[in-house]
Amino acid sequence: MSEIDVNQLLDQMRAMAATAQAGGKPAPAADKQGADFAALLAQSINQVNEQKKAAGAMANAFAKGDPNVDLTDVMVQLQKASVSFQAMTQVRNKLVEAYQQVMNMSM
């Protein structure tokens, strides 16, 4: 699983905060190296989905008696998929919370 570029995400969050403080006028972007936040989020969701599919396929192979698949590998892969999904759920919850806070701000 590839890691999300934390610095890129922080830069985008700072730019959004600067936009909010400037009264909605977009702040000049200091560095537009990578994808926007929506693309980064979609990529993360796709990675979690692929991990879940891989874990399911490995579990099915073990259940069918494939001698190349070890139980410990199956369990580790299932746990990785579970942790990834839980992390994605927490990110979603924080985004919803942030959205609700922004919507409750008085203008």
N, C-alpha and C. Protein backbone atom coordinates (compact mmCIF):
# COMPACT_ATOMS: atom_id res chain seq x y z
N MET A 1 0.84 -1.18 0.00
CA MET A 1 0.00 0.00 0.00
C MET A 1 0.88 1.23 0.00
N SER A 2 0.64 2.13 -0.92
CA SER A 2 1.44 3.35 -0.97
C SER A 2 0.92 4.34 0.05
N GLU A 3 1.82 5.16 0.56
CA GLU A 3 1.45 6.12 1.59
C GLU A 3 1.03 7.44 0.96
N ILE A 4 0.14 8.12 1.64
CA ILE A 4 -0.33 9.42 1.20
C ILE A 4 0.74 10.44 1.54
N ASP A 5 1.01 11.35 0.63
CA ASP A 5 2.00 12.39 0.88
C ASP A 5 1.41 13.39 1.88
N VAL A 6 1.84 13.29 3.12
CA VAL A 6 1.30 14.10 4.19
C VAL A 6 1.57 15.58 3.95
N ASN A 7 2.75 15.91 3.48
CA ASN A 7 3.07 17.32 3.23
C ASN A 7 2.15 17.93 2.18
N GLN A 8 1.86 17.17 1.15
CA GLN A 8 0.96 17.65 0.10
C GLN A 8 -0.43 17.89 0.67
N LEU A 9 -0.89 16.96 1.50
CA LEU A 9 -2.20 17.10 2.11
C LEU A 9 -2.24 18.32 3.04
N LEU A 10 -1.18 18.52 3.82
CA LEU A 10 -1.12 19.68 4.70
C LEU A 10 -1.10 20.99 3.92
N ASP A 11 -0.37 21.02 2.80
CA ASP A 11 -0.35 22.22 1.96
C ASP A 11 -1.74 22.55 1.45
N GLN A 12 -2.47 21.53 1.04
CA GLN A 12 -3.81 21.76 0.54
C GLN A 12 -4.73 22.25 1.65
N MET A 13 -4.58 21.70 2.84
CA MET A 13 -5.40 22.13 3.96
C MET A 13 -5.08 23.58 4.35
N ARG A 14 -3.79 23.94 4.30
CA ARG A 14 -3.41 25.32 4.60
C ARG A 14 -3.99 26.29 3.57
N ALA A 15 -3.96 25.87 2.30
CA ALA A 15 -4.51 26.72 1.25
C ALA A 15 -6.01 26.91 1.44
N MET A 16 -6.71 25.85 1.84
CA MET A 16 -8.14 25.95 2.10
C MET A 16 -8.42 26.85 3.30
N ALA A 17 -7.58 26.75 4.33
CA ALA A 17 -7.74 27.61 5.51
C ALA A 17 -7.50 29.06 5.14
N ALA A 18 -6.50 29.32 4.32
CA ALA A 18 -6.21 30.69 3.88
C ALA A 18 -7.37 31.24 3.06
N THR A 19 -7.98 30.40 2.25
CA THR A 19 -9.13 30.81 1.45
C THR A 19 -10.30 31.18 2.36
N ALA A 20 -10.52 30.37 3.39
CA ALA A 20 -11.61 30.63 4.31
C ALA A 20 -11.38 31.93 5.08
N GLN A 21 -10.14 32.21 5.47
CA GLN A 21 -9.82 33.42 6.21
C GLN A 21 -9.88 34.66 5.32
N ALA A 22 -9.65 34.49 4.02
CA ALA A 22 -9.66 35.62 3.10
C ALA A 22 -11.07 35.96 2.64
N GLY A 23 -12.06 35.29 3.21
CA GLY A 23 -13.44 35.60 2.86
C GLY A 23 -13.87 34.94 1.57
N GLY A 24 -13.30 33.81 1.23
CA GLY A 24 -13.71 33.07 0.06
C GLY A 24 -12.89 33.33 -1.18
N LYS A 25 -11.96 34.30 -1.12
CA LYS A 25 -11.11 34.55 -2.27
C LYS A 25 -10.00 33.52 -2.28
N PRO A 26 -9.80 32.82 -3.38
CA PRO A 26 -8.77 31.79 -3.41
C PRO A 26 -7.38 32.37 -3.17
N ALA A 27 -6.64 31.70 -2.30
CA ALA A 27 -5.26 32.10 -2.03
C ALA A 27 -4.37 31.55 -3.14
N PRO A 28 -3.31 32.26 -3.48
CA PRO A 28 -2.43 31.74 -4.52
C PRO A 28 -1.78 30.44 -4.07
N ALA A 29 -1.79 29.47 -4.95
CA ALA A 29 -1.21 28.16 -4.62
C ALA A 29 0.30 28.25 -4.66
N ALA A 30 0.92 27.83 -3.57
CA ALA A 30 2.37 27.89 -3.48
C ALA A 30 3.02 26.80 -4.32
N ASP A 31 2.39 25.63 -4.33
CA ASP A 31 3.02 24.50 -5.02
C ASP A 31 1.95 23.53 -5.48
N LYS A 32 1.75 23.42 -6.77
CA LYS A 32 0.76 22.52 -7.33
C LYS A 32 1.46 21.30 -7.92
N GLN A 33 2.08 20.49 -7.08
CA GLN A 33 2.83 19.33 -7.56
C GLN A 33 1.93 18.16 -7.91
N GLY A 34 1.00 17.84 -7.04
CA GLY A 34 0.26 16.60 -7.20
C GLY A 34 -1.21 16.82 -7.48
N ALA A 35 -1.93 15.75 -7.25
CA ALA A 35 -3.36 15.74 -7.51
C ALA A 35 -4.09 16.54 -6.44
N ASP A 36 -5.31 16.93 -6.76
CA ASP A 36 -6.10 17.66 -5.79
C ASP A 36 -6.62 16.71 -4.72
N PHE A 37 -7.23 17.25 -3.69
CA PHE A 37 -7.66 16.47 -2.54
C PHE A 37 -8.66 15.38 -2.92
N ALA A 38 -9.59 15.71 -3.81
CA ALA A 38 -10.59 14.72 -4.22
C ALA A 38 -9.94 13.52 -4.89
N ALA A 39 -8.97 13.77 -5.74
CA ALA A 39 -8.28 12.67 -6.42
C ALA A 39 -7.48 11.84 -5.41
N LEU A 40 -6.88 12.50 -4.45
CA LEU A 40 -6.11 11.81 -3.42
C LEU A 40 -7.02 10.93 -2.58
N LEU A 41 -8.19 11.45 -2.24
CA LEU A 41 -9.15 10.68 -1.46
C LEU A 41 -9.67 9.48 -2.26
N ALA A 42 -9.98 9.70 -3.52
CA ALA A 42 -10.46 8.61 -4.38
C ALA A 42 -9.40 7.53 -4.53
N GLN A 43 -8.16 7.93 -4.66
CA GLN A 43 -7.06 6.96 -4.77
C GLN A 43 -6.95 6.14 -3.49
N SER A 44 -7.10 6.77 -2.36
CA SER A 44 -7.03 6.06 -1.08
C SER A 44 -8.17 5.06 -0.95
N ILE A 45 -9.36 5.47 -1.35
CA ILE A 45 -10.51 4.56 -1.29
C ILE A 45 -10.30 3.37 -2.21
N ASN A 46 -9.76 3.62 -3.39
CA ASN A 46 -9.48 2.52 -4.32
C ASN A 46 -8.44 1.56 -3.75
N GLN A 47 -7.43 2.09 -3.07
CA GLN A 47 -6.41 1.23 -2.47
C GLN A 47 -7.00 0.36 -1.37
N VAL A 48 -7.87 0.92 -0.56
CA VAL A 48 -8.53 0.13 0.48
C VAL A 48 -9.39 -0.95 -0.15
N ASN A 49 -10.09 -0.61 -1.20
CA ASN A 49 -10.92 -1.59 -1.90
C ASN A 49 -10.08 -2.72 -2.49
N GLU A 50 -8.95 -2.38 -3.10
CA GLU A 50 -8.07 -3.40 -3.67
C GLU A 50 -7.51 -4.31 -2.58
N GLN A 51 -7.18 -3.73 -1.43
CA GLN A 51 -6.67 -4.54 -0.33
C GLN A 51 -7.73 -5.50 0.16
N LYS A 52 -8.97 -5.04 0.24
CA LYS A 52 -10.07 -5.90 0.67
C LYS A 52 -10.29 -7.03 -0.32
N LYS A 53 -10.23 -6.72 -1.61
CA LYS A 53 -10.39 -7.75 -2.63
C LYS A 53 -9.27 -8.79 -2.56
N ALA A 54 -8.03 -8.32 -2.37
CA ALA A 54 -6.89 -9.23 -2.28
C ALA A 54 -7.02 -10.14 -1.07
N ALA A 55 -7.46 -9.59 0.05
CA ALA A 55 -7.63 -10.39 1.25
C ALA A 55 -8.72 -11.44 1.04
N GLY A 56 -9.80 -11.03 0.41
CA GLY A 56 -10.89 -11.98 0.12
C GLY A 56 -10.46 -13.10 -0.81
N ALA A 57 -9.70 -12.73 -1.84
CA ALA A 57 -9.21 -13.74 -2.78
C ALA A 57 -8.26 -14.71 -2.09
N MET A 58 -7.41 -14.18 -1.21
CA MET A 58 -6.47 -15.04 -0.49
C MET A 58 -7.23 -15.97 0.46
N ALA A 59 -8.25 -15.47 1.12
CA ALA A 59 -9.06 -16.30 2.02
C ALA A 59 -9.78 -17.39 1.24
N ASN A 60 -10.31 -17.04 0.06
CA ASN A 60 -10.98 -18.04 -0.77
C ASN A 60 -10.00 -19.11 -1.23
N ALA A 61 -8.80 -18.70 -1.61
CA ALA A 61 -7.79 -19.67 -2.05
C ALA A 61 -7.44 -20.62 -0.91
N PHE A 62 -7.31 -20.09 0.30
CA PHE A 62 -7.00 -20.94 1.44
C PHE A 62 -8.15 -21.90 1.73
N ALA A 63 -9.39 -21.40 1.63
CA ALA A 63 -10.56 -22.24 1.88
C ALA A 63 -10.67 -23.37 0.86
N LYS A 64 -10.21 -23.12 -0.36
CA LYS A 64 -10.25 -24.15 -1.41
C LYS A 64 -9.11 -25.15 -1.27
N GLY A 65 -8.17 -24.88 -0.36
CA GLY A 65 -7.09 -25.82 -0.11
C GLY A 65 -5.84 -25.58 -0.93
N ASP A 66 -5.63 -24.37 -1.40
CA ASP A 66 -4.42 -24.04 -2.16
C ASP A 66 -3.21 -24.22 -1.25
N PRO A 67 -2.26 -25.09 -1.65
CA PRO A 67 -1.10 -25.33 -0.79
C PRO A 67 -0.11 -24.16 -0.74
N ASN A 68 -0.23 -23.22 -1.65
CA ASN A 68 0.68 -22.07 -1.68
C ASN A 68 0.24 -20.93 -0.76
N VAL A 69 -0.93 -21.06 -0.14
CA VAL A 69 -1.47 -20.01 0.71
C VAL A 69 -1.41 -20.48 2.16
N ASP A 70 -0.72 -19.70 2.99
CA ASP A 70 -0.55 -20.03 4.40
C ASP A 70 -1.61 -19.29 5.23
N LEU A 71 -2.08 -19.93 6.29
CA LEU A 71 -3.11 -19.33 7.14
C LEU A 71 -2.63 -18.01 7.75
N THR A 72 -1.38 -17.97 8.17
CA THR A 72 -0.87 -16.73 8.78
C THR A 72 -0.87 -15.58 7.78
N ASP A 73 -0.53 -15.88 6.53
CA ASP A 73 -0.57 -14.83 5.49
C ASP A 73 -1.99 -14.33 5.27
N VAL A 74 -2.94 -15.27 5.29
CA VAL A 74 -4.35 -14.90 5.11
C VAL A 74 -4.80 -13.99 6.25
N MET A 75 -4.46 -14.36 7.48
CA MET A 75 -4.88 -13.57 8.63
C MET A 75 -4.23 -12.18 8.63
N VAL A 76 -2.96 -12.11 8.26
CA VAL A 76 -2.28 -10.82 8.20
C VAL A 76 -2.93 -9.94 7.13
N GLN A 77 -3.21 -10.51 5.98
CA GLN A 77 -3.83 -9.73 4.90
C GLN A 77 -5.22 -9.25 5.29
N LEU A 78 -5.99 -10.11 5.97
CA LEU A 78 -7.32 -9.71 6.43
C LEU A 78 -7.24 -8.59 7.47
N GLN A 79 -6.26 -8.64 8.35
CA GLN A 79 -6.09 -7.59 9.36
C GLN A 79 -5.66 -6.27 8.71
N LYS A 80 -4.78 -6.36 7.72
CA LYS A 80 -4.36 -5.14 7.00
C LYS A 80 -5.57 -4.48 6.34
N ALA A 81 -6.41 -5.29 5.71
CA ALA A 81 -7.60 -4.75 5.05
C ALA A 81 -8.54 -4.13 6.07
N SER A 82 -8.68 -4.78 7.21
CA SER A 82 -9.56 -4.26 8.26
C SER A 82 -9.04 -2.94 8.81
N VAL A 83 -7.76 -2.85 9.10
CA VAL A 83 -7.18 -1.61 9.63
C VAL A 83 -7.30 -0.49 8.59
N SER A 84 -7.05 -0.80 7.33
CA SER A 84 -7.17 0.21 6.27
C SER A 84 -8.59 0.74 6.19
N PHE A 85 -9.56 -0.16 6.28
CA PHE A 85 -10.95 0.26 6.21
C PHE A 85 -11.32 1.12 7.41
N GLN A 86 -10.86 0.74 8.60
CA GLN A 86 -11.14 1.53 9.79
C GLN A 86 -10.52 2.92 9.69
N ALA A 87 -9.31 2.99 9.17
CA ALA A 87 -8.65 4.29 9.00
C ALA A 87 -9.41 5.16 8.01
N MET A 88 -9.85 4.55 6.91
CA MET A 88 -10.62 5.30 5.92
C MET A 88 -11.93 5.80 6.52
N THR A 89 -12.55 4.99 7.35
CA THR A 89 -13.79 5.39 8.00
C THR A 89 -13.55 6.58 8.94
N GLN A 90 -12.44 6.57 9.66
CA GLN A 90 -12.12 7.68 10.54
C GLN A 90 -11.86 8.97 9.76
N VAL A 91 -11.18 8.85 8.63
CA VAL A 91 -10.94 10.02 7.78
C VAL A 91 -12.27 10.57 7.28
N ARG A 92 -13.15 9.69 6.86
CA ARG A 92 -14.47 10.11 6.40
C ARG A 92 -15.22 10.84 7.51
N ASN A 93 -15.18 10.28 8.72
CA ASN A 93 -15.87 10.90 9.85
C ASN A 93 -15.31 12.30 10.14
N LYS A 94 -13.99 12.45 10.06
CA LYS A 94 -13.38 13.76 10.30
C LYS A 94 -13.76 14.75 9.20
N LEU A 95 -13.84 14.28 7.97
CA LEU A 95 -14.25 15.16 6.88
C LEU A 95 -15.69 15.62 7.05
N VAL A 96 -16.56 14.71 7.45
CA VAL A 96 -17.96 15.07 7.68
C VAL A 96 -18.05 16.06 8.83
N GLU A 97 -17.29 15.82 9.89
CA GLU A 97 -17.28 16.73 11.03
C GLU A 97 -16.78 18.13 10.63
N ALA A 98 -15.72 18.18 9.84
CA ALA A 98 -15.20 19.46 9.38
C ALA A 98 -16.21 20.17 8.50
N TYR A 99 -16.87 19.43 7.62
CA TYR A 99 -17.90 20.02 6.75
C TYR A 99 -19.03 20.61 7.58
N GLN A 100 -19.46 19.87 8.61
CA GLN A 100 -20.54 20.36 9.46
C GLN A 100 -20.13 21.62 10.21
N GLN A 101 -18.88 21.68 10.65
CA GLN A 101 -18.41 22.87 11.34
C GLN A 101 -18.37 24.08 10.41
N VAL A 102 -17.93 23.85 9.18
CA VAL A 102 -17.88 24.95 8.21
C VAL A 102 -19.30 25.43 7.89
N MET A 103 -20.22 24.51 7.76
CA MET A 103 -21.59 24.88 7.44
C MET A 103 -22.28 25.60 8.60
N ASN A 104 -21.84 25.36 9.82
CA ASN A 104 -22.43 26.02 10.98
C ASN A 104 -21.81 27.37 11.30
N MET A 105 -20.77 27.74 10.56
CA MET A 105 -20.13 29.05 10.79
C MET A 105 -21.09 30.15 10.36
N SER A 106 -21.10 31.22 11.13
CA SER A 106 -21.94 32.36 10.74
C SER A 106 -21.10 33.28 9.86
N MET A 107 -21.70 33.75 8.83
CA MET A 107 -20.98 34.60 7.88
C MET A 107 -21.19 36.04 8.19
